[in-house]
Amino acid sequence: MIIHELLVVLKICIHHTYEKEDGKNEIAILYCNMQQLGIDGNRYVQSFNLEGLTSKLLH
């Protein structure tokens, strides 16, 4: 039962992070900050195999 509850929380967090305008703005700020540090955000995601992480966690 606890796993089901955790998945519900995860889905809610994902929705608010990626679907809401505020979340999109915060992600853009994160990528901008990474760029200022000389980090390519897209490459970072690929290097740590984070692409599609949400789907991986849910399955």
C-alpha atoms as a PDB file:
ATOM      1  CA  MET A   1       0.000   0.000   0.000  1.00  0.00           C
ATOM      2  CA  ILE A   2       2.823   2.409   0.795  1.00  0.00           C
ATOM      3  CA  ILE A   3       4.263   2.041  -2.729  1.00  0.00           C
ATOM      4  CA  HIS A   4       0.902   3.023  -4.229  1.00  0.00           C
ATOM      5  CA  GLU A   5       0.792   6.109  -2.010  1.00  0.00           C
ATOM      6  CA  LEU A   6       4.335   7.052  -2.991  1.00  0.00           C
ATOM      7  CA  LEU A   7       3.459   6.737  -6.678  1.00  0.00           C
ATOM      8  CA  VAL A   8       0.497   9.072  -6.184  1.00  0.00           C
ATOM      9  CA  VAL A   9       2.780  11.645  -4.549  1.00  0.00           C
ATOM     10  CA  LEU A  10       5.314  11.219  -7.355  1.00  0.00           C
ATOM     11  CA  LYS A  11       2.657  11.779 -10.022  1.00  0.00           C
ATOM     12  CA  ILE A  12       1.423  14.931  -8.270  1.00  0.00           C
ATOM     13  CA  CYS A  13       4.971  16.294  -7.951  1.00  0.00           C
ATOM     14  CA  ILE A  14       5.731  15.537 -11.585  1.00  0.00           C
ATOM     15  CA  HIS A  15       2.546  17.257 -12.718  1.00  0.00           C
ATOM     16  CA  HIS A  16       3.374  20.397 -10.766  1.00  0.00           C
ATOM     17  CA  THR A  17       7.004  20.387 -11.861  1.00  0.00           C
ATOM     18  CA  TYR A  18       6.675  19.763 -15.568  1.00  0.00           C
ATOM     19  CA  GLU A  19       3.147  20.764 -16.536  1.00  0.00           C
ATOM     20  CA  LYS A  20       2.571  23.978 -14.612  1.00  0.00           C
ATOM     21  CA  GLU A  21       3.950  27.248 -15.930  1.00  0.00           C
ATOM     22  CA  ASP A  22       5.812  27.917 -12.658  1.00  0.00           C
ATOM     23  CA  GLY A  23       7.548  24.569 -12.952  1.00  0.00           C
ATOM     24  CA  LYS A  24       8.572  25.282 -16.537  1.00  0.00           C
ATOM     25  CA  ASN A  25      10.000  28.646 -15.457  1.00  0.00           C
ATOM     26  CA  GLU A  26      11.975  27.069 -12.609  1.00  0.00           C
ATOM     27  CA  ILE A  27      13.403  24.426 -14.937  1.00  0.00           C
ATOM     28  CA  ALA A  28      14.457  27.178 -17.354  1.00  0.00           C
ATOM     29  CA  ILE A  29      16.195  28.989 -14.480  1.00  0.00           C
ATOM     30  CA  LEU A  30      17.943  25.746 -13.494  1.00  0.00           C
ATOM     31  CA  TYR A  31      19.245  25.260 -17.038  1.00  0.00           C
ATOM     32  CA  CYS A  32      20.367  28.904 -17.179  1.00  0.00           C
ATOM     33  CA  ASN A  33      22.244  28.530 -13.892  1.00  0.00           C
ATOM     34  CA  MET A  34      23.880  25.348 -15.141  1.00  0.00           C
ATOM     35  CA  GLN A  35      24.926  27.105 -18.340  1.00  0.00           C
ATOM     36  CA  GLN A  36      26.552  29.904 -16.324  1.00  0.00           C
ATOM     37  CA  LEU A  37      28.592  27.222 -14.571  1.00  0.00           C
ATOM     38  CA  GLY A  38      29.623  25.745 -17.903  1.00  0.00           C
ATOM     39  CA  ILE A  39      27.311  22.741 -17.637  1.00  0.00           C
ATOM     40  CA  ASP A  40      25.240  21.680 -20.626  1.00  0.00           C
ATOM     41  CA  GLY A  41      21.877  20.772 -19.072  1.00  0.00           C
ATOM     42  CA  ASN A  42      20.892  18.404 -21.868  1.00  0.00           C
ATOM     43  CA  ARG A  43      24.204  16.597 -21.712  1.00  0.00           C
ATOM     44  CA  TYR A  44      23.906  16.384 -17.911  1.00  0.00           C
ATOM     45  CA  VAL A  45      20.524  14.681 -18.249  1.00  0.00           C
ATOM     46  CA  GLN A  46      21.904  12.235 -20.812  1.00  0.00           C
ATOM     47  CA  SER A  47      25.118  11.548 -18.876  1.00  0.00           C
ATOM     48  CA  PHE A  48      23.260  10.493 -15.758  1.00  0.00           C
ATOM     49  CA  ASN A  49      20.580   8.637 -17.715  1.00  0.00           C
ATOM     50  CA  LEU A  50      17.877  10.963 -16.372  1.00  0.00           C
ATOM     51  CA  GLU A  51      15.956  11.212 -19.628  1.00  0.00           C
ATOM     52  CA  GLY A  52      12.562   9.606 -19.123  1.00  0.00           C
ATOM     53  CA  LEU A  53      13.260   9.210 -15.411  1.00  0.00           C
ATOM     54  CA  THR A  54       9.627   9.700 -14.480  1.00  0.00           C
ATOM     55  CA  SER A  55       8.515   6.804 -16.669  1.00  0.00           C
ATOM     56  CA  LYS A  56      11.337   4.664 -15.317  1.00  0.00           C
ATOM     57  CA  LEU A  57      10.274   5.345 -11.737  1.00  0.00           C
ATOM     58  CA  LEU A  58       6.626   4.626 -12.424  1.00  0.00           C
ATOM     59  CA  HIS A  59       7.331   1.267 -14.078  1.00  0.00           C
END
